Amino acid sequence: MKEIVLTTERQKRELFILLGCFIGAIGLNILGIIMYHTAWKELYTQWFAVLLLTFVIYFIILFFRLLYFAVRPLFRKGRTR
């Protein structure tokens, strides 16, 4: 069976993507606080919702990345197998 190797470069890239999703989820939380004129304490009381939203965003991005890498070989010019 083939061994799967995750390089440190790949791990760092995935962590940065996850960090970006976390920052985006916090930004959406702040936007919601501003739009609905709620208390700023929701910024830290709703951390579980922010974490859940972080992983939802990450998996949506992951789905589109996998879709892109699956479809990309179909449209390469000049290469035949």
PDB file of N, CA and C in Angstrom:
ATOM      1  N   MET A   1       0.834  -1.170   0.000  1.00  0.00           N
ATOM      2  CA  MET A   1       0.000   0.000   0.000  1.00  0.00           C
ATOM      3  C   MET A   1       0.883   1.238   0.000  1.00  0.00           C
ATOM      4  N   LYS A   2       0.457   2.245  -0.779  1.00  0.00           N
ATOM      5  CA  LYS A   2       1.262   3.446  -0.912  1.00  0.00           C
ATOM      6  C   LYS A   2       1.158   4.300   0.348  1.00  0.00           C
ATOM      7  N   GLU A   3       2.295   4.818   0.772  1.00  0.00           N
ATOM      8  CA  GLU A   3       2.343   5.652   1.956  1.00  0.00           C
ATOM      9  C   GLU A   3       2.027   7.098   1.581  1.00  0.00           C
ATOM     10  N   ILE A   4       1.196   7.753   2.369  1.00  0.00           N
ATOM     11  CA  ILE A   4       0.840   9.144   2.127  1.00  0.00           C
ATOM     12  C   ILE A   4       1.727  10.014   3.011  1.00  0.00           C
ATOM     13  N   VAL A   5       2.419  10.954   2.372  1.00  0.00           N
ATOM     14  CA  VAL A   5       3.343  11.818   3.093  1.00  0.00           C
ATOM     15  C   VAL A   5       2.830  13.250   3.013  1.00  0.00           C
ATOM     16  N   LEU A   6       2.631  13.852   4.174  1.00  0.00           N
ATOM     17  CA  LEU A   6       2.249  15.263   4.237  1.00  0.00           C
ATOM     18  C   LEU A   6       3.488  16.068   4.615  1.00  0.00           C
ATOM     19  N   THR A   7       3.943  16.875   3.675  1.00  0.00           N
ATOM     20  CA  THR A   7       5.146  17.661   3.925  1.00  0.00           C
ATOM     21  C   THR A   7       4.826  18.813   4.878  1.00  0.00           C
ATOM     22  N   THR A   8       5.862  19.373   5.467  1.00  0.00           N
ATOM     23  CA  THR A   8       5.657  20.500   6.370  1.00  0.00           C
ATOM     24  C   THR A   8       5.128  21.709   5.614  1.00  0.00           C
ATOM     25  N   GLU A   9       5.528  21.851   4.354  1.00  0.00           N
ATOM     26  CA  GLU A   9       5.022  22.957   3.539  1.00  0.00           C
ATOM     27  C   GLU A   9       3.507  22.832   3.347  1.00  0.00           C
ATOM     28  N   ARG A  10       3.050  21.631   3.084  1.00  0.00           N
ATOM     29  CA  ARG A  10       1.614  21.391   2.898  1.00  0.00           C
ATOM     30  C   ARG A  10       0.846  21.619   4.211  1.00  0.00           C
ATOM     31  N   GLN A  11       1.421  21.183   5.315  1.00  0.00           N
ATOM     32  CA  GLN A  11       0.784  21.384   6.616  1.00  0.00           C
ATOM     33  C   GLN A  11       0.668  22.863   6.940  1.00  0.00           C
ATOM     34  N   LYS A  12       1.725  23.633   6.655  1.00  0.00           N
ATOM     35  CA  LYS A  12       1.694  25.070   6.903  1.00  0.00           C
ATOM     36  C   LYS A  12       0.638  25.743   6.035  1.00  0.00           C
ATOM     37  N   ARG A  13       0.543  25.319   4.764  1.00  0.00           N
ATOM     38  CA  ARG A  13      -0.448  25.898   3.868  1.00  0.00           C
ATOM     39  C   ARG A  13      -1.862  25.642   4.379  1.00  0.00           C
ATOM     40  N   GLU A  14      -2.135  24.418   4.823  1.00  0.00           N
ATOM     41  CA  GLU A  14      -3.464  24.088   5.328  1.00  0.00           C
ATOM     42  C   GLU A  14      -3.774  24.849   6.624  1.00  0.00           C
ATOM     43  N   LEU A  15      -2.767  25.016   7.471  1.00  0.00           N
ATOM     44  CA  LEU A  15      -2.978  25.783   8.704  1.00  0.00           C
ATOM     45  C   LEU A  15      -3.250  27.254   8.408  1.00  0.00           C
ATOM     46  N   PHE A  16      -2.573  27.808   7.403  1.00  0.00           N
ATOM     47  CA  PHE A  16      -2.831  29.197   7.026  1.00  0.00           C
ATOM     48  C   PHE A  16      -4.230  29.343   6.426  1.00  0.00           C
ATOM     49  N   ILE A  17      -4.677  28.358   5.661  1.00  0.00           N
ATOM     50  CA  ILE A  17      -6.036  28.397   5.124  1.00  0.00           C
ATOM     51  C   ILE A  17      -7.042  28.328   6.266  1.00  0.00           C
ATOM     52  N   LEU A  18      -6.795  27.442   7.228  1.00  0.00           N
ATOM     53  CA  LEU A  18      -7.679  27.340   8.387  1.00  0.00           C
ATOM     54  C   LEU A  18      -7.665  28.627   9.211  1.00  0.00           C
ATOM     55  N   LEU A  19      -6.509  29.236   9.373  1.00  0.00           N
ATOM     56  CA  LEU A  19      -6.406  30.515  10.081  1.00  0.00           C
ATOM     57  C   LEU A  19      -7.188  31.600   9.348  1.00  0.00           C
ATOM     58  N   GLY A  20      -7.096  31.607   8.026  1.00  0.00           N
ATOM     59  CA  GLY A  20      -7.862  32.566   7.236  1.00  0.00           C
ATOM     60  C   GLY A  20      -9.362  32.365   7.400  1.00  0.00           C
ATOM     61  N   CYS A  21      -9.796  31.108   7.464  1.00  0.00           N
ATOM     62  CA  CYS A  21     -11.208  30.815   7.696  1.00  0.00           C
ATOM     63  C   CYS A  21     -11.637  31.292   9.079  1.00  0.00           C
ATOM     64  N   PHE A  22     -10.771  31.119  10.067  1.00  0.00           N
ATOM     65  CA  PHE A  22     -11.070  31.574  11.429  1.00  0.00           C
ATOM     66  C   PHE A  22     -11.197  33.093  11.482  1.00  0.00           C
ATOM     67  N   ILE A  23     -10.277  33.776  10.833  1.00  0.00           N
ATOM     68  CA  ILE A  23     -10.331  35.241  10.800  1.00  0.00           C
ATOM     69  C   ILE A  23     -11.586  35.699  10.059  1.00  0.00           C
ATOM     70  N   GLY A  24     -11.931  34.999   8.982  1.00  0.00           N
ATOM     71  CA  GLY A  24     -13.154  35.332   8.255  1.00  0.00           C
ATOM     72  C   GLY A  24     -14.395  35.122   9.100  1.00  0.00           C
ATOM     73  N   ALA A  25     -14.428  34.050   9.890  1.00  0.00           N
ATOM     74  CA  ALA A  25     -15.571  33.788  10.760  1.00  0.00           C
ATOM     75  C   ALA A  25     -15.684  34.850  11.852  1.00  0.00           C
ATOM     76  N   ILE A  26     -14.557  35.272  12.392  1.00  0.00           N
ATOM     77  CA  ILE A  26     -14.576  36.360  13.378  1.00  0.00           C
ATOM     78  C   ILE A  26     -15.076  37.644  12.714  1.00  0.00           C
ATOM     79  N   GLY A  27     -14.643  37.884  11.492  1.00  0.00           N
ATOM     80  CA  GLY A  27     -15.111  39.063  10.765  1.00  0.00           C
ATOM     81  C   GLY A  27     -16.611  39.026  10.537  1.00  0.00           C
ATOM     82  N   LEU A  28     -17.143  37.865  10.197  1.00  0.00           N
ATOM     83  CA  LEU A  28     -18.591  37.739  10.033  1.00  0.00           C
ATOM     84  C   LEU A  28     -19.319  37.951  11.348  1.00  0.00           C
ATOM     85  N   ASN A  29     -18.717  37.502  12.446  1.00  0.00           N
ATOM     86  CA  ASN A  29     -19.306  37.721  13.766  1.00  0.00           C
ATOM     87  C   ASN A  29     -19.341  39.213  14.089  1.00  0.00           C
ATOM     88  N   ILE A  30     -18.264  39.902  13.811  1.00  0.00           N
ATOM     89  CA  ILE A  30     -18.210  41.345  14.045  1.00  0.00           C
ATOM     90  C   ILE A  30     -19.230  42.061  13.164  1.00  0.00           C
ATOM     91  N   LEU A  31     -19.333  41.638  11.917  1.00  0.00           N
ATOM     92  CA  LEU A  31     -20.313  42.226  11.012  1.00  0.00           C
ATOM     93  C   LEU A  31     -21.735  42.032  11.531  1.00  0.00           C
ATOM     94  N   GLY A  32     -22.020  40.850  12.050  1.00  0.00           N
ATOM     95  CA  GLY A  32     -23.333  40.585  12.626  1.00  0.00           C
ATOM     96  C   GLY A  32     -23.609  41.429  13.856  1.00  0.00           C
ATOM     97  N   ILE A  33     -22.590  41.624  14.675  1.00  0.00           N
ATOM     98  CA  ILE A  33     -22.745  42.460  15.867  1.00  0.00           C
ATOM     99  C   ILE A  33     -23.056  43.893  15.463  1.00  0.00           C
ATOM    100  N   ILE A  34     -22.354  44.392  14.454  1.00  0.00           N
ATOM    101  CA  ILE A  34     -22.579  45.763  14.002  1.00  0.00           C
ATOM    102  C   ILE A  34     -23.945  45.908  13.339  1.00  0.00           C
ATOM    103  N   MET A  35     -24.290  44.954  12.475  1.00  0.00           N
ATOM    104  CA  MET A  35     -25.551  45.068  11.733  1.00  0.00           C
ATOM    105  C   MET A  35     -26.776  44.975  12.634  1.00  0.00           C
ATOM    106  N   TYR A  36     -26.729  44.109  13.637  1.00  0.00           N
ATOM    107  CA  TYR A  36     -27.892  43.889  14.479  1.00  0.00           C
ATOM    108  C   TYR A  36     -27.826  44.645  15.810  1.00  0.00           C
ATOM    109  N   HIS A  37     -26.805  45.488  15.961  1.00  0.00           N
ATOM    110  CA  HIS A  37     -26.665  46.345  17.144  1.00  0.00           C
ATOM    111  C   HIS A  37     -26.754  45.544  18.449  1.00  0.00           C
ATOM    112  N   THR A  38     -26.022  44.453  18.509  1.00  0.00           N
ATOM    113  CA  THR A  38     -26.011  43.640  19.722  1.00  0.00           C
ATOM    114  C   THR A  38     -24.786  43.977  20.565  1.00  0.00           C
ATOM    115  N   ALA A  39     -24.713  43.366  21.730  1.00  0.00           N
ATOM    116  CA  ALA A  39     -23.616  43.645  22.657  1.00  0.00           C
ATOM    117  C   ALA A  39     -22.308  43.027  22.146  1.00  0.00           C
ATOM    118  N   TRP A  40     -21.211  43.730  22.413  1.00  0.00           N
ATOM    119  CA  TRP A  40     -19.901  43.252  21.969  1.00  0.00           C
ATOM    120  C   TRP A  40     -19.438  42.022  22.739  1.00  0.00           C
ATOM    121  N   LYS A  41     -20.107  41.709  23.826  1.00  0.00           N
ATOM    122  CA  LYS A  41     -19.720  40.505  24.565  1.00  0.00           C
ATOM    123  C   LYS A  41     -19.983  39.241  23.747  1.00  0.00           C
ATOM    124  N   GLU A  42     -20.814  39.351  22.700  1.00  0.00           N
ATOM    125  CA  GLU A  42     -21.053  38.206  21.831  1.00  0.00           C
ATOM    126  C   GLU A  42     -19.809  37.802  21.062  1.00  0.00           C
ATOM    127  N   LEU A  43     -18.856  38.691  21.010  1.00  0.00           N
ATOM    128  CA  LEU A  43     -17.605  38.369  20.323  1.00  0.00           C
ATOM    129  C   LEU A  43     -16.884  37.211  21.008  1.00  0.00           C
ATOM    130  N   TYR A  44     -16.971  37.129  22.323  1.00  0.00           N
ATOM    131  CA  TYR A  44     -16.331  36.020  23.032  1.00  0.00           C
ATOM    132  C   TYR A  44     -17.333  35.019  23.603  1.00  0.00           C
ATOM    133  N   THR A  45     -18.600  35.358  23.696  1.00  0.00           N
ATOM    134  CA  THR A  45     -19.570  34.379  24.202  1.00  0.00           C
ATOM    135  C   THR A  45     -20.037  33.421  23.109  1.00  0.00           C
ATOM    136  N   GLN A  46     -19.842  33.796  21.857  1.00  0.00           N
ATOM    137  CA  GLN A  46     -20.270  32.949  20.742  1.00  0.00           C
ATOM    138  C   GLN A  46     -19.079  32.263  20.063  1.00  0.00           C
ATOM    139  N   TRP A  47     -18.041  31.965  20.830  1.00  0.00           N
ATOM    140  CA  TRP A  47     -16.837  31.364  20.245  1.00  0.00           C
ATOM    141  C   TRP A  47     -17.107  30.000  19.633  1.00  0.00           C
ATOM    142  N   PHE A  48     -18.047  29.224  20.200  1.00  0.00           N
ATOM    143  CA  PHE A  48     -18.343  27.904  19.644  1.00  0.00           C
ATOM    144  C   PHE A  48     -18.986  28.036  18.270  1.00  0.00           C
ATOM    145  N   ALA A  49     -19.818  29.056  18.076  1.00  0.00           N
ATOM    146  CA  ALA A  49     -20.432  29.289  16.767  1.00  0.00           C
ATOM    147  C   ALA A  49     -19.376  29.733  15.758  1.00  0.00           C
ATOM    148  N   VAL A  50     -18.415  30.533  16.223  1.00  0.00           N
ATOM    149  CA  VAL A  50     -17.329  30.971  15.343  1.00  0.00           C
ATOM    150  C   VAL A  50     -16.474  29.779  14.933  1.00  0.00           C
ATOM    151  N   LEU A  51     -16.176  28.886  15.860  1.00  0.00           N
ATOM    152  CA  LEU A  51     -15.401  27.694  15.518  1.00  0.00           C
ATOM    153  C   LEU A  51     -16.152  26.794  14.546  1.00  0.00           C
ATOM    154  N   LEU A  52     -17.438  26.628  14.767  1.00  0.00           N
ATOM    155  CA  LEU A  52     -18.248  25.827  13.860  1.00  0.00           C
ATOM    156  C   LEU A  52     -18.270  26.460  12.471  1.00  0.00           C
ATOM    157  N   LEU A  53     -18.455  27.764  12.406  1.00  0.00           N
ATOM    158  CA  LEU A  53     -18.452  28.462  11.130  1.00  0.00           C
ATOM    159  C   LEU A  53     -17.085  28.365  10.456  1.00  0.00           C
ATOM    160  N   THR A  54     -16.021  28.384  11.238  1.00  0.00           N
ATOM    161  CA  THR A  54     -14.674  28.229  10.697  1.00  0.00           C
ATOM    162  C   THR A  54     -14.547  26.912   9.946  1.00  0.00           C
ATOM    163  N   PHE A  55     -14.998  25.828  10.562  1.00  0.00           N
ATOM    164  CA  PHE A  55     -14.873  24.525   9.914  1.00  0.00           C
ATOM    165  C   PHE A  55     -15.835  24.371   8.737  1.00  0.00           C
ATOM    166  N   VAL A  56     -16.983  24.997   8.812  1.00  0.00           N
ATOM    167  CA  VAL A  56     -17.909  24.965   7.674  1.00  0.00           C
ATOM    168  C   VAL A  56     -17.283  25.672   6.477  1.00  0.00           C
ATOM    169  N   ILE A  57     -16.722  26.844   6.703  1.00  0.00           N
ATOM    170  CA  ILE A  57     -16.049  27.582   5.628  1.00  0.00           C
ATOM    171  C   ILE A  57     -14.872  26.781   5.089  1.00  0.00           C
ATOM    172  N   TYR A  58     -14.096  26.166   5.988  1.00  0.00           N
ATOM    173  CA  TYR A  58     -12.930  25.387   5.565  1.00  0.00           C
ATOM    174  C   TYR A  58     -13.348  24.215   4.675  1.00  0.00           C
ATOM    175  N   PHE A  59     -14.400  23.507   5.061  1.00  0.00           N
ATOM    176  CA  PHE A  59     -14.812  22.356   4.265  1.00  0.00           C
ATOM    177  C   PHE A  59     -15.463  22.767   2.952  1.00  0.00           C
ATOM    178  N   ILE A  60     -16.105  23.923   2.906  1.00  0.00           N
ATOM    179  CA  ILE A  60     -16.618  24.418   1.629  1.00  0.00           C
ATOM    180  C   ILE A  60     -15.461  24.752   0.703  1.00  0.00           C
ATOM    181  N   ILE A  61     -14.446  25.423   1.232  1.00  0.00           N
ATOM    182  CA  ILE A  61     -13.258  25.729   0.432  1.00  0.00           C
ATOM    183  C   ILE A  61     -12.559  24.443   0.005  1.00  0.00           C
ATOM    184  N   LEU A  62     -12.470  23.474   0.909  1.00  0.00           N
ATOM    185  CA  LEU A  62     -11.846  22.194   0.588  1.00  0.00           C
ATOM    186  C   LEU A  62     -12.592  21.483  -0.529  1.00  0.00           C
ATOM    187  N   PHE A  63     -13.921  21.521  -0.501  1.00  0.00           N
ATOM    188  CA  PHE A  63     -14.723  20.901  -1.556  1.00  0.00           C
ATOM    189  C   PHE A  63     -14.399  21.513  -2.912  1.00  0.00           C
ATOM    190  N   PHE A  64     -14.357  22.846  -2.988  1.00  0.00           N
ATOM    191  CA  PHE A  64     -14.069  23.497  -4.258  1.00  0.00           C
ATOM    192  C   PHE A  64     -12.621  23.286  -4.700  1.00  0.00           C
ATOM    193  N   ARG A  65     -11.691  23.181  -3.768  1.00  0.00           N
ATOM    194  CA  ARG A  65     -10.303  22.886  -4.126  1.00  0.00           C
ATOM    195  C   ARG A  65     -10.187  21.484  -4.699  1.00  0.00           C
ATOM    196  N   LEU A  66     -10.856  20.518  -4.069  1.00  0.00           N
ATOM    197  CA  LEU A  66     -10.831  19.143  -4.589  1.00  0.00           C
ATOM    198  C   LEU A  66     -11.506  19.058  -5.946  1.00  0.00           C
ATOM    199  N   LEU A  67     -12.600  19.773  -6.116  1.00  0.00           N
ATOM    200  CA  LEU A  67     -13.291  19.807  -7.396  1.00  0.00           C
ATOM    201  C   LEU A  67     -12.389  20.403  -8.472  1.00  0.00           C
ATOM    202  N   TYR A  68     -11.691  21.458  -8.140  1.00  0.00           N
ATOM    203  CA  TYR A  68     -10.771  22.086  -9.083  1.00  0.00           C
ATOM    204  C   TYR A  68      -9.661  21.122  -9.502  1.00  0.00           C
ATOM    205  N   PHE A  69      -9.060  20.429  -8.536  1.00  0.00           N
ATOM    206  CA  PHE A  69      -7.975  19.509  -8.864  1.00  0.00           C
ATOM    207  C   PHE A  69      -8.464  18.270  -9.591  1.00  0.00           C
ATOM    208  N   ALA A  70      -9.742  17.923  -9.432  1.00  0.00           N
ATOM    209  CA  ALA A  70     -10.285  16.779 -10.152  1.00  0.00           C
ATOM    210  C   ALA A  70     -10.613  17.129 -11.600  1.00  0.00           C
ATOM    211  N   VAL A  71     -11.034  18.374 -11.834  1.00  0.00           N
ATOM    212  CA  VAL A  71     -11.456  18.784 -13.169  1.00  0.00           C
ATOM    213  C   VAL A  71     -10.294  19.353 -13.984  1.00  0.00           C
ATOM    214  N   ARG A  72      -9.305  19.871 -13.335  1.00  0.00           N
ATOM    215  CA  ARG A  72      -8.182  20.509 -14.016  1.00  0.00           C
ATOM    216  C   ARG A  72      -7.520  19.628 -15.072  1.00  0.00           C
ATOM    217  N   PRO A  73      -7.266  18.351 -14.827  1.00  0.00           N
ATOM    218  CA  PRO A  73      -6.612  17.544 -15.862  1.00  0.00           C
ATOM    219  C   PRO A  73      -7.451  17.372 -17.138  1.00  0.00           C
ATOM    220  N   LEU A  74      -8.735  17.554 -17.057  1.00  0.00           N
ATOM    221  CA  LEU A  74      -9.586  17.403 -18.229  1.00  0.00           C
ATOM    222  C   LEU A  74      -9.402  18.537 -19.233  1.00  0.00           C
ATOM    223  N   PHE A  75      -8.917  19.670 -18.779  1.00  0.00           N
ATOM    224  CA  PHE A  75      -8.804  20.842 -19.634  1.00  0.00           C
ATOM    225  C   PHE A  75      -7.375  21.231 -19.976  1.00  0.00           C
ATOM    226  N   ARG A  76      -6.433  20.356 -19.731  1.00  0.00           N
ATOM    227  CA  ARG A  76      -5.039  20.661 -20.071  1.00  0.00           C
ATOM    228  C   ARG A  76      -4.854  20.533 -21.568  1.00  0.00           C
ATOM    229  N   LYS A  77      -4.201  21.507 -22.150  1.00  0.00           N
ATOM    230  CA  LYS A  77      -3.963  21.516 -23.598  1.00  0.00           C
ATOM    231  C   LYS A  77      -2.648  20.825 -23.927  1.00  0.00           C
ATOM    232  N   GLY A  78      -2.656  20.073 -25.000  1.00  0.00           N
ATOM    233  CA  GLY A  78      -1.429  19.498 -25.523  1.00  0.00           C
ATOM    234  C   GLY A  78      -0.915  18.272 -24.776  1.00  0.00           C
ATOM    235  N   ARG A  79      -1.595  17.813 -23.777  1.00  0.00           N
ATOM    236  CA  ARG A  79      -1.131  16.630 -23.046  1.00  0.00           C
ATOM    237  C   ARG A  79      -2.143  15.528 -23.200  1.00  0.00           C
ATOM    238  N   THR A  80      -1.677  14.407 -23.670  1.00  0.00           N
ATOM    239  CA  THR A  80      -2.547  13.239 -23.804  1.00  0.00           C
ATOM    240  C   THR A  80      -1.971  12.103 -23.005  1.00  0.00           C
ATOM    241  N   ARG A  81      -2.815  11.261 -22.550  1.00  0.00           N
ATOM    242  CA  ARG A  81      -2.360  10.102 -21.781  1.00  0.00           C
ATOM    243  C   ARG A  81      -2.640   8.851 -22.535  1.00  0.00           C
TER     244      ARG A  81
END
